[in-house]
Amino acid sequence: MDLELTGRRAFVSGSTQGIGYAIARALLAEGASVVINGRREAAVQGAVERLRDELPGAEASGIAADVERPDEVARLLGALGEVDILVNNVGLFEVAAFDDVLDEEWRRYFEVNVMSGVVLSRHLLPRMLESGWGRILFISSEAGVNVPADMVHYGATKAAQLAVANGLAKLTRGTGVTVNSVLGGPTYSDGVAQAVDRIARGQGIPAAHLKAAIAAENRTSLLERFIEPSEIAALVTYLASPLSSATNGAALRADGGVLTTVV
C-alpha cells in the first residue's frame, strides 16, 4: 500500500534508537524525509548513517538537542525548518516506588515527556494550519490509562500527553491537520533489551529465555510477548499519512491487548 508520504518532511524526537528509530525508519521507507533527534551529536549522526545504510537514497538528517535544556530547545526550533509530520516520541521511563520519586524528578518527567511535545507542537501547529495539512502524533502509553502503581510519575505524564493531544485536535477543526496519540504496550526497545541482557548475565541464563519468561508472567497481555518497535511504528506511519485523514483526536492502542484481563 502506498501511504502517499513522498515529499512529506517529518521530525521524530528521541529517535536515535528504540521506538523513535523504528518510526523514523518506517517513515523513510515510505518516502518521507526525516529529521531525527537525540541528546548527543555522535548518537544522532550514528543513527543517520545507519538509516542511510539500511535505506539507500533515504533523506535522513539529524539535529542533536537535549529537550531538558531550554537553550538547546531554542536552537532546535531555529534549525528545524518546515515540518509536515511531528512525532513527539522522546520520553523518560523508570520503575520506581511512589515514595522514592522526589519533586525534582516529577518535574523532570513532565519537562521531557510532556513539555517537549507542547513546545514543538506550539511551534509547528500554526504552520500546519496555515498550509492546510499536517500530522502531530504523541507516542503515549497504556500506562497513561491504566497507571502502574510502581510508575505513577510515568503514567501521569502519559495521561497528560493524551490530554494535550485531545485538546490540540480540537484546534484543527475543518482543516487537513490531525492530532492523534498512540498507546503502546510493553515494547522490546533498546533500553528494555539492555536491561534484560544485564539481568540475564547476572543470572547466568540466555537473554532470550529471560525475555520469554518476563512476557509469560504478564497475564494481562493477549499478545503474550513483547511488542516489537516496528509494530508501533507501523501504526504511527499510517497515522502520519494522508490515508488517515478521518482519524483525528483519537488515542489508538498498539498495546497487545494489555488492558484486557486474561482469565
C-alpha atoms as a PDB file:
ATOM      1  CA  MET A   1       0.000   0.000   0.000  1.00  0.00           C
ATOM      2  CA  ASP A   2       1.282   3.455  -0.943  1.00  0.00           C
ATOM      3  CA  LEU A   3       0.909   5.689   2.104  1.00  0.00           C
ATOM      4  CA  GLU A   4       1.488   8.801  -0.041  1.00  0.00           C
ATOM      5  CA  LEU A   5       4.272  10.150   2.139  1.00  0.00           C
ATOM      6  CA  THR A   6       6.720  11.005  -0.635  1.00  0.00           C
ATOM      7  CA  GLY A   7       7.591  14.668  -0.380  1.00  0.00           C
ATOM      8  CA  ARG A   8       6.496  14.997   3.252  1.00  0.00           C
ATOM      9  CA  ARG A   9       9.015  16.067   5.895  1.00  0.00           C
ATOM     10  CA  ALA A  10       8.927  14.586   9.402  1.00  0.00           C
ATOM     11  CA  PHE A  11      10.613  15.277  12.719  1.00  0.00           C
ATOM     12  CA  VAL A  12      10.799  12.483  15.308  1.00  0.00           C
ATOM     13  CA  SER A  13      12.034  13.440  18.760  1.00  0.00           C
ATOM     14  CA  GLY A  14      14.131  10.918  20.686  1.00  0.00           C
ATOM     15  CA  SER A  15      14.808   8.792  17.618  1.00  0.00           C
ATOM     16  CA  THR A  16      18.383   7.530  17.773  1.00  0.00           C
ATOM     17  CA  GLN A  17      17.184   4.128  18.982  1.00  0.00           C
ATOM     18  CA  GLY A  18      14.144   2.117  20.034  1.00  0.00           C
ATOM     19  CA  ILE A  19      10.620   3.098  19.024  1.00  0.00           C
ATOM     20  CA  GLY A  20      11.686   6.503  17.726  1.00  0.00           C
ATOM     21  CA  TYR A  21      14.293   4.958  15.427  1.00  0.00           C
ATOM     22  CA  ALA A  22      11.763   2.406  14.168  1.00  0.00           C
ATOM     23  CA  ILE A  23       9.299   5.212  13.415  1.00  0.00           C
ATOM     24  CA  ALA A  24      11.934   7.218  11.558  1.00  0.00           C
ATOM     25  CA  ARG A  25      12.895   4.155   9.530  1.00  0.00           C
ATOM     26  CA  ALA A  26       9.286   3.348   8.639  1.00  0.00           C
ATOM     27  CA  LEU A  27       8.609   6.919   7.518  1.00  0.00           C
ATOM     28  CA  LEU A  28      11.767   6.934   5.401  1.00  0.00           C
ATOM     29  CA  ALA A  29      10.785   3.610   3.827  1.00  0.00           C
ATOM     30  CA  GLU A  30       7.514   5.221   2.729  1.00  0.00           C
ATOM     31  CA  GLY A  31       9.326   8.079   1.007  1.00  0.00           C
ATOM     32  CA  ALA A  32       9.220  10.827   3.626  1.00  0.00           C
ATOM     33  CA  SER A  33      12.315  12.804   4.547  1.00  0.00           C
ATOM     34  CA  VAL A  34      13.008  12.524   8.260  1.00  0.00           C
ATOM     35  CA  VAL A  35      14.903  14.596  10.800  1.00  0.00           C
ATOM     36  CA  ILE A  36      15.891  12.509  13.796  1.00  0.00           C
ATOM     37  CA  ASN A  37      16.879  13.749  17.208  1.00  0.00           C
ATOM     38  CA  GLY A  38      18.814  12.770  20.294  1.00  0.00           C
ATOM     39  CA  ARG A  39      20.807  14.402  23.065  1.00  0.00           C
ATOM     40  CA  ARG A  40      24.293  13.624  21.744  1.00  0.00           C
ATOM     41  CA  GLU A  41      25.704  14.584  18.360  1.00  0.00           C
ATOM     42  CA  ALA A  42      27.582  11.294  17.975  1.00  0.00           C
ATOM     43  CA  ALA A  43      24.440   9.235  18.593  1.00  0.00           C
ATOM     44  CA  VAL A  44      22.431  11.342  16.148  1.00  0.00           C
ATOM     45  CA  GLN A  45      24.993  11.095  13.377  1.00  0.00           C
ATOM     46  CA  GLY A  46      25.440   7.375  14.006  1.00  0.00           C
ATOM     47  CA  ALA A  47      21.696   6.817  13.681  1.00  0.00           C
ATOM     48  CA  VAL A  48      21.541   8.899  10.491  1.00  0.00           C
ATOM     49  CA  GLU A  49      24.328   6.819   8.968  1.00  0.00           C
ATOM     50  CA  ARG A  50      22.597   3.561   9.924  1.00  0.00           C
ATOM     51  CA  LEU A  51      19.345   4.719   8.359  1.00  0.00           C
ATOM     52  CA  ARG A  52      21.112   5.716   5.148  1.00  0.00           C
ATOM     53  CA  ASP A  53      22.878   2.342   5.049  1.00  0.00           C
ATOM     54  CA  GLU A  54      19.644   0.422   5.644  1.00  0.00           C
ATOM     55  CA  LEU A  55      17.645   2.526   3.178  1.00  0.00           C
ATOM     56  CA  PRO A  56      19.938   3.748   0.371  1.00  0.00           C
ATOM     57  CA  GLY A  57      18.699   7.017  -1.028  1.00  0.00           C
ATOM     58  CA  ALA A  58      16.670   7.865   2.073  1.00  0.00           C
ATOM     59  CA  GLU A  59      16.601  11.551   3.028  1.00  0.00           C
ATOM     60  CA  ALA A  60      17.652  11.246   6.661  1.00  0.00           C
ATOM     61  CA  SER A  61      19.206  14.051   8.673  1.00  0.00           C
ATOM     62  CA  GLY A  62      19.524  14.864  12.352  1.00  0.00           C
ATOM     63  CA  ILE A  63      19.597  17.594  14.967  1.00  0.00           C
ATOM     64  CA  ALA A  64      21.174  16.944  18.362  1.00  0.00           C
ATOM     65  CA  ALA A  65      19.345  18.698  21.208  1.00  0.00           C
ATOM     66  CA  ASP A  66      18.516  17.891  24.812  1.00  0.00           C
ATOM     67  CA  VAL A  67      14.836  18.729  25.392  1.00  0.00           C
ATOM     68  CA  GLU A  68      15.557  19.321  29.104  1.00  0.00           C
ATOM     69  CA  ARG A  69      17.659  22.387  28.231  1.00  0.00           C
ATOM     70  CA  PRO A  70      15.778  25.499  27.064  1.00  0.00           C
ATOM     71  CA  ASP A  71      18.791  26.825  25.148  1.00  0.00           C
ATOM     72  CA  GLU A  72      19.096  23.604  23.162  1.00  0.00           C
ATOM     73  CA  VAL A  73      15.343  23.516  22.505  1.00  0.00           C
ATOM     74  CA  ALA A  74      15.538  27.075  21.161  1.00  0.00           C
ATOM     75  CA  ARG A  75      18.398  26.048  18.885  1.00  0.00           C
ATOM     76  CA  LEU A  76      16.440  23.009  17.720  1.00  0.00           C
ATOM     77  CA  LEU A  77      13.398  25.108  16.830  1.00  0.00           C
ATOM     78  CA  GLY A  78      15.585  27.585  14.971  1.00  0.00           C
ATOM     79  CA  ALA A  79      17.212  24.858  12.899  1.00  0.00           C
ATOM     80  CA  LEU A  80      14.158  22.699  12.238  1.00  0.00           C
ATOM     81  CA  GLY A  81      12.513  24.484   9.334  1.00  0.00           C
ATOM     82  CA  GLU A  82       9.229  23.388   7.743  1.00  0.00           C
ATOM     83  CA  VAL A  83       7.773  20.127   9.070  1.00  0.00           C
ATOM     84  CA  ASP A  84       4.668  18.301   7.846  1.00  0.00           C
ATOM     85  CA  ILE A  85       4.740  15.497  10.424  1.00  0.00           C
ATOM     86  CA  LEU A  86       5.694  15.880  14.088  1.00  0.00           C
ATOM     87  CA  VAL A  87       6.153  12.727  16.144  1.00  0.00           C
ATOM     88  CA  ASN A  88       6.513  13.518  19.860  1.00  0.00           C
ATOM     89  CA  ASN A  89       8.325  10.379  20.915  1.00  0.00           C
ATOM     90  CA  VAL A  90      11.059  11.436  23.350  1.00  0.00           C
ATOM     91  CA  GLY A  91      10.429  10.273  26.890  1.00  0.00           C
ATOM     92  CA  LEU A  92      11.761   9.064  30.221  1.00  0.00           C
ATOM     93  CA  PHE A  93      10.807   5.706  31.699  1.00  0.00           C
ATOM     94  CA  GLU A  94      11.689   4.094  35.016  1.00  0.00           C
ATOM     95  CA  VAL A  95      10.130   1.761  37.530  1.00  0.00           C
ATOM     96  CA  ALA A  96      10.194   3.440  40.949  1.00  0.00           C
ATOM     97  CA  ALA A  97       8.171   3.413  44.150  1.00  0.00           C
ATOM     98  CA  PHE A  98       5.934   6.463  44.563  1.00  0.00           C
ATOM     99  CA  ASP A  99       7.651   7.456  47.837  1.00  0.00           C
ATOM    100  CA  ASP A 100      11.057   7.386  46.176  1.00  0.00           C
ATOM    101  CA  VAL A 101      10.281   9.832  43.367  1.00  0.00           C
ATOM    102  CA  LEU A 102      11.101  13.345  44.583  1.00  0.00           C
ATOM    103  CA  ASP A 103       9.567  16.592  43.333  1.00  0.00           C
ATOM    104  CA  GLU A 104      12.573  17.377  41.155  1.00  0.00           C
ATOM    105  CA  GLU A 105      12.203  14.072  39.335  1.00  0.00           C
ATOM    106  CA  TRP A 106       8.473  14.649  38.842  1.00  0.00           C
ATOM    107  CA  ARG A 107       9.280  17.989  37.229  1.00  0.00           C
ATOM    108  CA  ARG A 108      11.935  16.378  35.040  1.00  0.00           C
ATOM    109  CA  TYR A 109       9.455  13.770  33.790  1.00  0.00           C
ATOM    110  CA  PHE A 110       6.887  16.415  32.924  1.00  0.00           C
ATOM    111  CA  GLU A 111       9.526  18.590  31.248  1.00  0.00           C
ATOM    112  CA  VAL A 112      10.695  15.774  28.973  1.00  0.00           C
ATOM    113  CA  ASN A 113       7.575  13.664  28.458  1.00  0.00           C
ATOM    114  CA  VAL A 114       5.002  16.445  28.256  1.00  0.00           C
ATOM    115  CA  MET A 115       6.533  19.873  27.721  1.00  0.00           C
ATOM    116  CA  SER A 116       8.763  18.769  24.839  1.00  0.00           C
ATOM    117  CA  GLY A 117       5.638  17.905  22.874  1.00  0.00           C
ATOM    118  CA  VAL A 118       3.892  21.097  23.974  1.00  0.00           C
ATOM    119  CA  VAL A 119       6.782  23.289  22.816  1.00  0.00           C
ATOM    120  CA  LEU A 120       7.258  21.507  19.492  1.00  0.00           C
ATOM    121  CA  SER A 121       3.520  21.478  18.765  1.00  0.00           C
ATOM    122  CA  ARG A 122       3.149  25.158  19.623  1.00  0.00           C
ATOM    123  CA  HIS A 123       5.977  25.931  17.200  1.00  0.00           C
ATOM    124  CA  LEU A 124       4.799  23.742  14.310  1.00  0.00           C
ATOM    125  CA  LEU A 125       0.992  23.591  14.518  1.00  0.00           C
ATOM    126  CA  PRO A 126       0.365  27.169  13.261  1.00  0.00           C
ATOM    127  CA  ARG A 127       2.396  26.469  10.120  1.00  0.00           C
ATOM    128  CA  MET A 128       0.493  23.231   9.523  1.00  0.00           C
ATOM    129  CA  LEU A 129      -2.843  25.015   9.894  1.00  0.00           C
ATOM    130  CA  GLU A 130      -1.706  27.750   7.531  1.00  0.00           C
ATOM    131  CA  SER A 131      -0.595  25.239   4.882  1.00  0.00           C
ATOM    132  CA  GLY A 132      -3.791  23.191   5.276  1.00  0.00           C
ATOM    133  CA  TRP A 133      -2.116  19.856   6.046  1.00  0.00           C
ATOM    134  CA  GLY A 134      -0.143  18.301   8.861  1.00  0.00           C
ATOM    135  CA  ARG A 135       0.150  15.499  11.360  1.00  0.00           C
ATOM    136  CA  ILE A 136       1.028  15.655  15.054  1.00  0.00           C
ATOM    137  CA  LEU A 137       1.447  12.368  16.886  1.00  0.00           C
ATOM    138  CA  PHE A 138       2.105  11.740  20.561  1.00  0.00           C
ATOM    139  CA  ILE A 139       3.695   8.423  21.492  1.00  0.00           C
ATOM    140  CA  SER A 140       1.888   7.796  24.751  1.00  0.00           C
ATOM    141  CA  SER A 141       1.383   4.508  26.599  1.00  0.00           C
ATOM    142  CA  GLU A 142      -1.272   2.237  28.030  1.00  0.00           C
ATOM    143  CA  ALA A 143       0.243   3.365  31.341  1.00  0.00           C
ATOM    144  CA  GLY A 144      -1.493   6.684  30.773  1.00  0.00           C
ATOM    145  CA  VAL A 145      -4.855   4.925  31.064  1.00  0.00           C
ATOM    146  CA  ASN A 146      -4.018   2.120  33.491  1.00  0.00           C
ATOM    147  CA  VAL A 147      -1.397   3.825  35.654  1.00  0.00           C
ATOM    148  CA  PRO A 148       1.025   1.313  37.222  1.00  0.00           C
ATOM    149  CA  ALA A 149       1.493   1.574  40.987  1.00  0.00           C
ATOM    150  CA  ASP A 150       5.268   1.394  40.539  1.00  0.00           C
ATOM    151  CA  MET A 151       5.353   4.082  37.813  1.00  0.00           C
ATOM    152  CA  VAL A 152       2.846   6.709  38.958  1.00  0.00           C
ATOM    153  CA  HIS A 153       5.120   9.532  37.788  1.00  0.00           C
ATOM    154  CA  TYR A 154       5.488   7.995  34.327  1.00  0.00           C
ATOM    155  CA  GLY A 155       1.792   7.168  33.983  1.00  0.00           C
ATOM    156  CA  ALA A 156       0.816  10.702  34.973  1.00  0.00           C
ATOM    157  CA  THR A 157       2.921  12.184  32.177  1.00  0.00           C
ATOM    158  CA  LYS A 158       1.471   9.768  29.643  1.00  0.00           C
ATOM    159  CA  ALA A 159      -2.044  10.708  30.746  1.00  0.00           C
ATOM    160  CA  ALA A 160      -1.088  14.363  30.325  1.00  0.00           C
ATOM    161  CA  GLN A 161       0.084  13.652  26.783  1.00  0.00           C
ATOM    162  CA  LEU A 162      -3.342  12.247  25.954  1.00  0.00           C
ATOM    163  CA  ALA A 163      -4.980  15.388  27.306  1.00  0.00           C
ATOM    164  CA  VAL A 164      -2.708  17.692  25.310  1.00  0.00           C
ATOM    165  CA  ALA A 165      -3.283  15.758  22.099  1.00  0.00           C
ATOM    166  CA  ASN A 166      -7.042  15.737  22.605  1.00  0.00           C
ATOM    167  CA  GLY A 167      -7.118  19.480  23.154  1.00  0.00           C
ATOM    168  CA  LEU A 168      -4.870  20.245  20.187  1.00  0.00           C
ATOM    169  CA  ALA A 169      -7.058  18.146  17.902  1.00  0.00           C
ATOM    170  CA  LYS A 170      -9.961  20.494  18.633  1.00  0.00           C
ATOM    171  CA  LEU A 171      -7.894  23.366  17.215  1.00  0.00           C
ATOM    172  CA  THR A 172      -7.725  21.609  13.820  1.00  0.00           C
ATOM    173  CA  ARG A 173     -11.478  21.574  13.149  1.00  0.00           C
ATOM    174  CA  GLY A 174     -12.252  21.765   9.436  1.00  0.00           C
ATOM    175  CA  THR A 175      -8.609  21.569   8.326  1.00  0.00           C
ATOM    176  CA  GLY A 176      -6.352  18.908   6.861  1.00  0.00           C
ATOM    177  CA  VAL A 177      -4.360  18.725  10.094  1.00  0.00           C
ATOM    178  CA  THR A 178      -4.841  15.894  12.593  1.00  0.00           C
ATOM    179  CA  VAL A 179      -3.535  15.219  16.100  1.00  0.00           C
ATOM    180  CA  ASN A 180      -3.581  11.694  17.494  1.00  0.00           C
ATOM    181  CA  SER A 181      -1.976   9.564  20.190  1.00  0.00           C
ATOM    182  CA  VAL A 182      -0.645   6.022  20.127  1.00  0.00           C
ATOM    183  CA  LEU A 183      -0.845   3.972  23.302  1.00  0.00           C
ATOM    184  CA  GLY A 184       1.966   1.459  23.210  1.00  0.00           C
ATOM    185  CA  GLY A 185       2.255  -1.535  25.499  1.00  0.00           C
ATOM    186  CA  PRO A 186       5.321  -3.432  26.773  1.00  0.00           C
ATOM    187  CA  THR A 187       7.794  -2.988  23.918  1.00  0.00           C
ATOM    188  CA  TYR A 188      11.182  -4.624  23.458  1.00  0.00           C
ATOM    189  CA  SER A 189      13.010  -1.357  22.894  1.00  0.00           C
ATOM    190  CA  ASP A 190      16.782  -0.974  23.058  1.00  0.00           C
ATOM    191  CA  GLY A 191      16.567   0.130  26.677  1.00  0.00           C
ATOM    192  CA  VAL A 192      14.485  -2.879  27.686  1.00  0.00           C
ATOM    193  CA  ALA A 193      16.762  -5.206  25.723  1.00  0.00           C
ATOM    194  CA  GLN A 194      19.832  -3.828  27.501  1.00  0.00           C
ATOM    195  CA  ALA A 195      18.181  -4.285  30.886  1.00  0.00           C
ATOM    196  CA  VAL A 196      17.192  -7.870  30.045  1.00  0.00           C
ATOM    197  CA  ASP A 197      20.718  -8.655  28.834  1.00  0.00           C
ATOM    198  CA  ARG A 198      22.202  -7.238  32.040  1.00  0.00           C
ATOM    199  CA  ILE A 199      19.870  -9.219  34.300  1.00  0.00           C
ATOM    200  CA  ALA A 200      20.319 -12.391  32.242  1.00  0.00           C
ATOM    201  CA  ARG A 201      24.107 -12.166  32.526  1.00  0.00           C
ATOM    202  CA  GLY A 202      23.773 -11.736  36.266  1.00  0.00           C
ATOM    203  CA  GLN A 203      21.598 -14.849  36.494  1.00  0.00           C
ATOM    204  CA  GLY A 204      23.747 -16.827  34.074  1.00  0.00           C
ATOM    205  CA  ILE A 205      20.908 -17.551  31.636  1.00  0.00           C
ATOM    206  CA  PRO A 206      20.347 -16.698  27.947  1.00  0.00           C
ATOM    207  CA  ALA A 207      18.698 -13.327  27.401  1.00  0.00           C
ATOM    208  CA  ALA A 208      16.115 -14.944  25.109  1.00  0.00           C
ATOM    209  CA  HIS A 209      14.971 -17.207  27.966  1.00  0.00           C
ATOM    210  CA  LEU A 210      14.558 -14.287  30.353  1.00  0.00           C
ATOM    211  CA  LYS A 211      12.712 -12.267  27.703  1.00  0.00           C
ATOM    212  CA  ALA A 212      10.231 -15.132  27.197  1.00  0.00           C
ATOM    213  CA  ALA A 213       9.794 -15.596  30.942  1.00  0.00           C
ATOM    214  CA  ILE A 214       9.024 -11.915  31.500  1.00  0.00           C
ATOM    215  CA  ALA A 215       6.456 -11.921  28.708  1.00  0.00           C
ATOM    216  CA  ALA A 216       4.849 -15.105  30.072  1.00  0.00           C
ATOM    217  CA  GLU A 217       4.413 -13.509  33.504  1.00  0.00           C
ATOM    218  CA  ASN A 218       2.333 -10.687  32.052  1.00  0.00           C
ATOM    219  CA  ARG A 219      -1.126 -12.261  32.309  1.00  0.00           C
ATOM    220  CA  THR A 220      -2.845  -9.082  31.154  1.00  0.00           C
ATOM    221  CA  SER A 221      -1.446  -9.290  27.619  1.00  0.00           C
ATOM    222  CA  LEU A 222      -3.368 -11.016  24.861  1.00  0.00           C
ATOM    223  CA  LEU A 223      -0.241 -10.937  22.720  1.00  0.00           C
ATOM    224  CA  GLU A 224       1.743 -12.959  25.283  1.00  0.00           C
ATOM    225  CA  ARG A 225       5.042 -11.492  24.082  1.00  0.00           C
ATOM    226  CA  PHE A 226       6.817  -8.183  23.916  1.00  0.00           C
ATOM    227  CA  ILE A 227       5.757  -5.777  21.188  1.00  0.00           C
ATOM    228  CA  GLU A 228       8.451  -5.000  18.639  1.00  0.00           C
ATOM    229  CA  PRO A 229       9.252  -1.309  17.947  1.00  0.00           C
ATOM    230  CA  SER A 230       8.414  -1.862  14.279  1.00  0.00           C
ATOM    231  CA  GLU A 231       4.857  -2.786  15.277  1.00  0.00           C
ATOM    232  CA  ILE A 232       4.374   0.567  16.996  1.00  0.00           C
ATOM    233  CA  ALA A 233       5.996   2.266  14.010  1.00  0.00           C
ATOM    234  CA  ALA A 234       3.562   0.662  11.556  1.00  0.00           C
ATOM    235  CA  LEU A 235       0.564   2.308  13.230  1.00  0.00           C
ATOM    236  CA  VAL A 236       2.366   5.633  13.602  1.00  0.00           C
ATOM    237  CA  THR A 237       3.317   5.652   9.922  1.00  0.00           C
ATOM    238  CA  TYR A 238      -0.279   5.076   8.862  1.00  0.00           C
ATOM    239  CA  LEU A 239      -1.495   7.872  11.145  1.00  0.00           C
ATOM    240  CA  ALA A 240       1.175  10.153   9.673  1.00  0.00           C
ATOM    241  CA  SER A 241      -0.113   9.530   6.164  1.00  0.00           C
ATOM    242  CA  PRO A 242      -2.867  11.214   4.131  1.00  0.00           C
ATOM    243  CA  LEU A 243      -4.762   7.905   4.247  1.00  0.00           C
ATOM    244  CA  SER A 244      -5.592   8.517   7.920  1.00  0.00           C
ATOM    245  CA  SER A 245      -7.461  11.750   7.197  1.00  0.00           C
ATOM    246  CA  ALA A 246     -10.637  10.607   9.003  1.00  0.00           C
ATOM    247  CA  THR A 247      -8.779   9.850  12.241  1.00  0.00           C
ATOM    248  CA  ASN A 248      -8.394  12.887  14.472  1.00  0.00           C
ATOM    249  CA  GLY A 249      -8.390  13.402  18.237  1.00  0.00           C
ATOM    250  CA  ALA A 250      -8.033   9.660  18.742  1.00  0.00           C
ATOM    251  CA  ALA A 251      -5.987   7.578  21.156  1.00  0.00           C
ATOM    252  CA  LEU A 252      -5.234   4.346  19.349  1.00  0.00           C
ATOM    253  CA  ARG A 253      -3.887   1.271  21.109  1.00  0.00           C
ATOM    254  CA  ALA A 254      -0.913  -0.747  19.959  1.00  0.00           C
ATOM    255  CA  ASP A 255      -0.633  -2.462  23.318  1.00  0.00           C
ATOM    256  CA  GLY A 256      -1.051  -6.133  22.547  1.00  0.00           C
ATOM    257  CA  GLY A 257      -4.346  -6.212  24.429  1.00  0.00           C
ATOM    258  CA  VAL A 258      -2.544  -5.292  27.634  1.00  0.00           C
ATOM    259  CA  LEU A 259      -5.600  -3.589  29.078  1.00  0.00           C
ATOM    260  CA  THR A 260      -7.714  -6.709  28.708  1.00  0.00           C
ATOM    261  CA  THR A 261      -7.636  -9.081  31.665  1.00  0.00           C
ATOM    262  CA  VAL A 262      -6.913 -12.653  30.649  1.00  0.00           C
ATOM    263  CA  VAL A 263      -8.630 -15.240  32.836  1.00  0.00           C
END
